[in-house]
Amino acid sequence: METAAQKSITNWTEFFKTPRDIFVQNVSNCQVSIEFETTPGNKTGFLFPQGQDPVNLTQFIPFDAIKASIDFRKMLNRRPPALSLMTEEEFMGYYTKKAEELKKPVEKVIDESAERLQRLHNKQEYTADKAPEPIHRVVEDDPHFGGKKRVASTGDVVTTEEVIHPRVLHLCQQVNTEIPDPDKMRAHVMLGELQSVERDLRVDDWEYVRSHGYWKTVKNYARDKISQMANAQSGSEGAEDTFAP
């Protein structure tokens, strides 16, 4: 039987032709975070927790916002995929099988999964002292979560450039566009926090900050760090090319 990770690339136009419930399963070995533009200029973040329990995404995000999300499409169509679409029959089949294994009513198993998801989104399962695990774009299909670097099921190595630092994710959540400006983390505080971990940050981390850092000074700082890294890489390559034994 074909697994979720082995499904063919989604025909986006055909699948989203008619409004419907969108059932999604996280088939990676990590948390996956995506922002959806729910209204013009306003984005809502959704975190798919680590684990195989599928969710009805349309209970949280409007159908049109899901349909318009390029990031969501990329997570579905990358190889190996991070997320997979399911039919309602597959969704119920998953929970029916899990309920049989746990010897519980299927409705209770679905409710328990929804409650865990809600706690995660309410940040009750982690605090600033316990940041969420790194989000990996490509991971091995393994039920156990380990260190920062993972291996893709295809055998490709996931580099540190393909890992968004958990502190970056946490800080950008504090300046989400849905949060009123008076309640957002101040720019100078965010900069200080970023500077405290910047030796661990890679280009992808700074690209994420440049896209989601909200404050102009924060985004400009991220842009400068990206430029510095690019110049450093260019200089390194030039030195190698011109070296004469």
Protein backbone atom coordinates (compact mmCIF):
# COMPACT_ATOMS: atom_id res chain seq x y z
CA MET A 1 0.00 0.00 0.00
CA GLU A 2 1.33 3.43 -0.93
CA THR A 3 2.49 5.49 2.03
CA ALA A 4 1.84 9.22 2.40
CA ALA A 5 5.49 9.96 1.71
CA GLN A 6 5.34 8.01 -1.55
CA LYS A 7 2.30 9.74 -3.05
CA SER A 8 2.70 11.47 -6.39
CA ILE A 9 3.01 15.23 -6.65
CA THR A 10 -0.33 16.91 -5.99
CA ASN A 11 -2.19 18.32 -8.98
CA TRP A 12 -2.84 21.65 -7.28
CA THR A 13 -5.41 23.03 -9.72
CA GLU A 14 -7.48 19.86 -9.76
CA PHE A 15 -7.38 19.27 -6.01
CA PHE A 16 -8.38 22.82 -5.09
CA LYS A 17 -10.96 23.27 -7.85
CA THR A 18 -13.85 22.97 -5.37
CA PRO A 19 -13.92 24.16 -1.72
CA ARG A 20 -13.56 21.18 0.60
CA ASP A 21 -12.12 20.08 3.91
CA ILE A 22 -8.33 19.81 3.64
CA PHE A 23 -6.90 16.90 5.62
CA VAL A 24 -3.13 17.09 6.10
CA GLN A 25 -0.61 14.68 7.59
CA ASN A 26 2.91 15.60 8.70
CA VAL A 27 5.08 12.94 7.08
CA SER A 28 8.39 14.45 8.16
CA ASN A 29 10.16 13.83 11.43
CA CYS A 30 9.81 17.33 12.80
CA GLN A 31 7.49 20.23 13.41
CA VAL A 32 6.52 22.14 10.26
CA SER A 33 5.52 25.80 10.52
CA ILE A 34 3.72 27.67 7.74
CA GLU A 35 2.18 31.14 7.56
CA PHE A 36 -1.06 31.58 5.59
CA GLU A 37 -2.30 34.96 4.36
CA THR A 38 -5.83 34.78 5.74
CA THR A 39 -6.73 38.37 4.77
CA PRO A 40 -4.78 40.83 2.59
CA GLY A 41 -1.62 41.78 4.49
CA ASN A 42 -2.46 39.59 7.49
CA LYS A 43 -0.87 36.20 8.08
CA THR A 44 -1.76 33.40 10.45
CA GLY A 45 0.83 30.84 11.45
CA PHE A 46 0.03 27.15 11.77
CA LEU A 47 2.33 24.58 13.34
CA PHE A 48 2.03 20.97 12.23
CA PRO A 49 3.41 19.06 15.22
CA GLN A 50 5.89 16.22 14.95
CA GLY A 51 3.99 12.96 14.57
CA GLN A 52 1.66 11.26 12.12
CA ASP A 53 -1.73 12.40 13.48
CA PRO A 54 -3.45 14.18 10.56
CA VAL A 55 -5.45 17.39 11.01
CA ASN A 56 -8.39 19.01 9.26
CA LEU A 57 -6.57 22.20 8.31
CA THR A 58 -9.75 23.98 7.21
CA GLN A 59 -10.88 23.99 10.84
CA PHE A 60 -8.08 26.51 11.46
CA ILE A 61 -7.26 28.15 8.13
CA PRO A 62 -9.73 29.27 5.41
CA PHE A 63 -9.80 27.16 2.25
CA ASP A 64 -8.82 30.07 -0.01
CA ALA A 65 -5.80 30.90 2.17
CA ILE A 66 -4.63 27.28 1.98
CA LYS A 67 -5.14 27.23 -1.78
CA ALA A 68 -3.11 30.42 -2.25
CA SER A 69 -0.14 29.38 -0.10
CA ILE A 70 3.02 28.76 -2.12
CA ASP A 71 4.86 27.58 1.02
CA PHE A 72 2.17 24.97 1.69
CA ARG A 73 2.44 23.75 -1.89
CA LYS A 74 6.22 23.44 -1.58
CA MET A 75 5.90 21.35 1.57
CA LEU A 76 3.55 18.99 -0.29
CA ASN A 77 5.51 18.70 -3.53
CA ARG A 78 9.11 18.62 -2.32
CA ARG A 79 10.97 15.32 -2.43
CA PRO A 80 10.67 13.82 0.11
CA PRO A 81 7.49 15.72 1.11
CA ALA A 82 7.13 17.28 4.53
CA LEU A 83 3.31 17.28 4.38
CA SER A 84 0.81 15.07 2.59
CA LEU A 85 -2.83 15.58 1.64
CA MET A 86 -5.35 12.94 2.68
CA THR A 87 -8.89 12.15 1.68
CA GLU A 88 -11.56 12.11 4.38
CA GLU A 89 -11.62 8.32 4.09
CA GLU A 90 -7.87 8.12 4.69
CA PHE A 91 -8.20 10.56 7.61
CA MET A 92 -10.90 8.46 9.29
CA GLY A 93 -9.09 5.23 8.41
CA TYR A 94 -5.97 6.44 10.20
CA TYR A 95 -7.85 7.28 13.40
CA THR A 96 -9.97 4.14 13.23
CA LYS A 97 -6.83 2.00 13.13
CA LYS A 98 -5.22 4.01 15.93
CA ALA A 99 -8.39 3.70 18.04
CA GLU A 100 -8.34 -0.07 17.59
CA GLU A 101 -4.71 -0.23 18.70
CA LEU A 102 -5.40 1.95 21.76
CA LYS A 103 -8.73 0.21 22.46
CA LYS A 104 -10.52 3.56 22.61
CA PRO A 105 -13.50 5.04 20.75
CA VAL A 106 -12.38 6.70 17.52
CA GLU A 107 -14.06 9.99 18.52
CA LYS A 108 -11.99 10.08 21.72
CA VAL A 109 -8.75 9.48 19.84
CA ILE A 110 -9.54 12.31 17.41
CA ASP A 111 -10.46 14.63 20.31
CA GLU A 112 -7.25 13.80 22.17
CA SER A 113 -5.17 14.59 19.09
CA ALA A 114 -7.02 17.91 18.64
CA GLU A 115 -6.40 18.78 22.30
CA ARG A 116 -2.66 18.15 21.95
CA LEU A 117 -2.59 20.35 18.87
CA GLN A 118 -4.46 23.11 20.70
CA ARG A 119 -2.05 22.97 23.64
CA LEU A 120 0.86 23.27 21.25
CA HIS A 121 -0.66 26.28 19.53
CA ASN A 122 -1.39 27.86 22.90
CA LYS A 123 2.32 27.38 23.75
CA GLN A 124 1.43 25.34 26.82
CA GLU A 125 3.84 22.57 25.88
CA TYR A 126 6.90 24.81 25.77
CA THR A 127 8.08 28.13 27.15
CA ALA A 128 10.89 30.56 26.35
CA ASP A 129 13.12 28.38 28.53
CA LYS A 130 12.26 25.33 26.44
CA ALA A 131 12.18 26.35 22.79
CA PRO A 132 10.52 24.05 20.28
CA GLU A 133 12.72 21.60 18.43
CA PRO A 134 14.28 22.80 15.17
CA ILE A 135 12.11 22.72 12.08
CA HIS A 136 13.72 20.69 9.32
CA ARG A 137 12.74 20.98 5.71
CA VAL A 138 14.00 17.50 4.85
CA VAL A 139 14.16 14.65 7.32
CA GLU A 140 14.43 10.91 7.50
CA ASP A 141 11.22 8.95 7.87
CA ASP A 142 11.95 7.78 11.41
CA PRO A 143 9.57 7.80 14.42
CA HIS A 144 12.29 9.01 16.77
CA PHE A 145 13.43 12.62 16.97
CA GLY A 146 17.08 13.23 17.65
CA GLY A 147 19.70 15.87 16.97
CA LYS A 148 19.66 18.97 14.82
CA LYS A 149 20.84 17.35 11.60
CA ARG A 150 18.70 14.73 9.88
CA VAL A 151 19.02 12.48 6.85
CA ALA A 152 16.41 12.40 4.10
CA SER A 153 14.71 9.12 3.30
CA THR A 154 16.22 9.43 -0.17
CA GLY A 155 19.71 9.31 1.36
CA ASP A 156 20.41 13.02 0.90
CA VAL A 157 22.15 14.71 3.79
CA VAL A 158 20.34 17.64 5.38
CA THR A 159 22.84 20.41 6.00
CA THR A 160 22.64 23.00 8.75
CA GLU A 161 21.50 25.47 6.07
CA GLU A 162 18.27 23.44 5.87
CA VAL A 163 17.50 23.87 9.57
CA ILE A 164 15.72 26.95 10.88
CA HIS A 165 17.09 27.73 14.34
CA PRO A 166 14.40 27.26 17.02
CA ARG A 167 15.29 30.60 18.64
CA VAL A 168 14.67 32.37 15.32
CA LEU A 169 11.26 30.74 15.05
CA HIS A 170 10.37 31.69 18.61
CA LEU A 171 11.43 35.32 18.18
CA CYS A 172 9.56 35.74 14.91
CA GLN A 173 6.45 34.38 16.59
CA GLN A 174 6.67 37.29 19.01
CA VAL A 175 6.27 39.80 16.17
CA ASN A 176 3.63 37.92 14.17
CA THR A 177 1.46 40.26 12.14
CA GLU A 178 -1.59 39.05 14.07
CA ILE A 179 -0.17 40.48 17.31
CA PRO A 180 -1.08 44.16 17.94
CA ASP A 181 1.96 46.44 17.63
CA PRO A 182 1.95 47.49 21.31
CA ASP A 183 2.18 43.81 22.29
CA LYS A 184 4.93 42.86 19.85
CA MET A 185 8.48 42.30 21.06
CA ARG A 186 10.37 45.58 20.61
CA ALA A 187 12.88 45.78 17.79
CA HIS A 188 15.87 46.46 20.03
CA VAL A 189 14.99 43.49 22.24
CA MET A 190 14.65 41.20 19.26
CA LEU A 191 17.98 42.41 17.86
CA GLY A 192 19.68 41.71 21.17
CA GLU A 193 18.23 38.20 21.26
CA LEU A 194 19.35 37.51 17.70
CA GLN A 195 22.85 38.82 18.38
CA SER A 196 23.15 36.48 21.35
CA VAL A 197 22.82 33.45 19.06
CA GLU A 198 24.04 34.84 15.74
CA ARG A 199 27.19 32.72 15.71
CA ASP A 200 24.89 29.70 15.37
CA LEU A 201 22.74 31.20 12.60
CA ARG A 202 23.03 30.37 8.91
CA VAL A 203 21.84 32.11 5.76
CA ASP A 204 18.43 30.41 5.86
CA ASP A 205 17.91 31.62 9.43
CA TRP A 206 18.61 35.20 8.41
CA GLU A 207 16.39 34.84 5.34
CA TYR A 208 13.60 33.76 7.66
CA VAL A 209 14.22 36.80 9.88
CA ARG A 210 14.25 39.07 6.84
CA SER A 211 10.84 37.67 5.81
CA HIS A 212 9.22 37.45 9.25
CA GLY A 213 11.11 39.89 11.50
CA TYR A 214 8.44 42.61 11.06
CA TRP A 215 10.54 45.57 12.28
CA LYS A 216 12.50 47.46 9.64
CA THR A 217 15.67 47.58 11.75
CA VAL A 218 15.49 43.82 12.33
CA LYS A 219 14.94 43.05 8.65
CA ASN A 220 17.77 45.40 7.64
CA TYR A 221 20.09 43.70 10.15
CA ALA A 222 19.21 40.31 8.68
CA ARG A 223 19.82 41.63 5.17
CA ASP A 224 23.26 42.88 6.22
CA LYS A 225 24.14 39.53 7.79
CA ILE A 226 23.13 37.73 4.58
CA SER A 227 25.30 40.11 2.56
CA GLN A 228 28.25 39.56 4.91
CA MET A 229 27.93 35.79 4.62
CA ALA A 230 27.72 36.00 0.84
CA ASN A 231 30.83 38.20 0.70
CA ALA A 232 32.71 35.88 3.04
CA GLN A 233 31.80 32.88 0.88
CA SER A 234 32.79 34.73 -2.28
CA GLY A 235 36.11 35.73 -0.77
CA SER A 236 36.81 32.18 0.31
CA GLU A 237 36.11 30.83 -3.15
CA GLY A 238 38.29 33.48 -4.74
CA ALA A 239 41.23 32.67 -2.52
CA GLU A 240 40.95 29.02 -3.47
CA ASP A 241 40.79 29.75 -7.20
CA THR A 242 43.85 31.99 -7.24
CA PHE A 243 46.06 29.88 -4.98
CA ALA A 244 49.27 28.87 -6.68
CA PRO A 245 51.31 25.98 -5.24
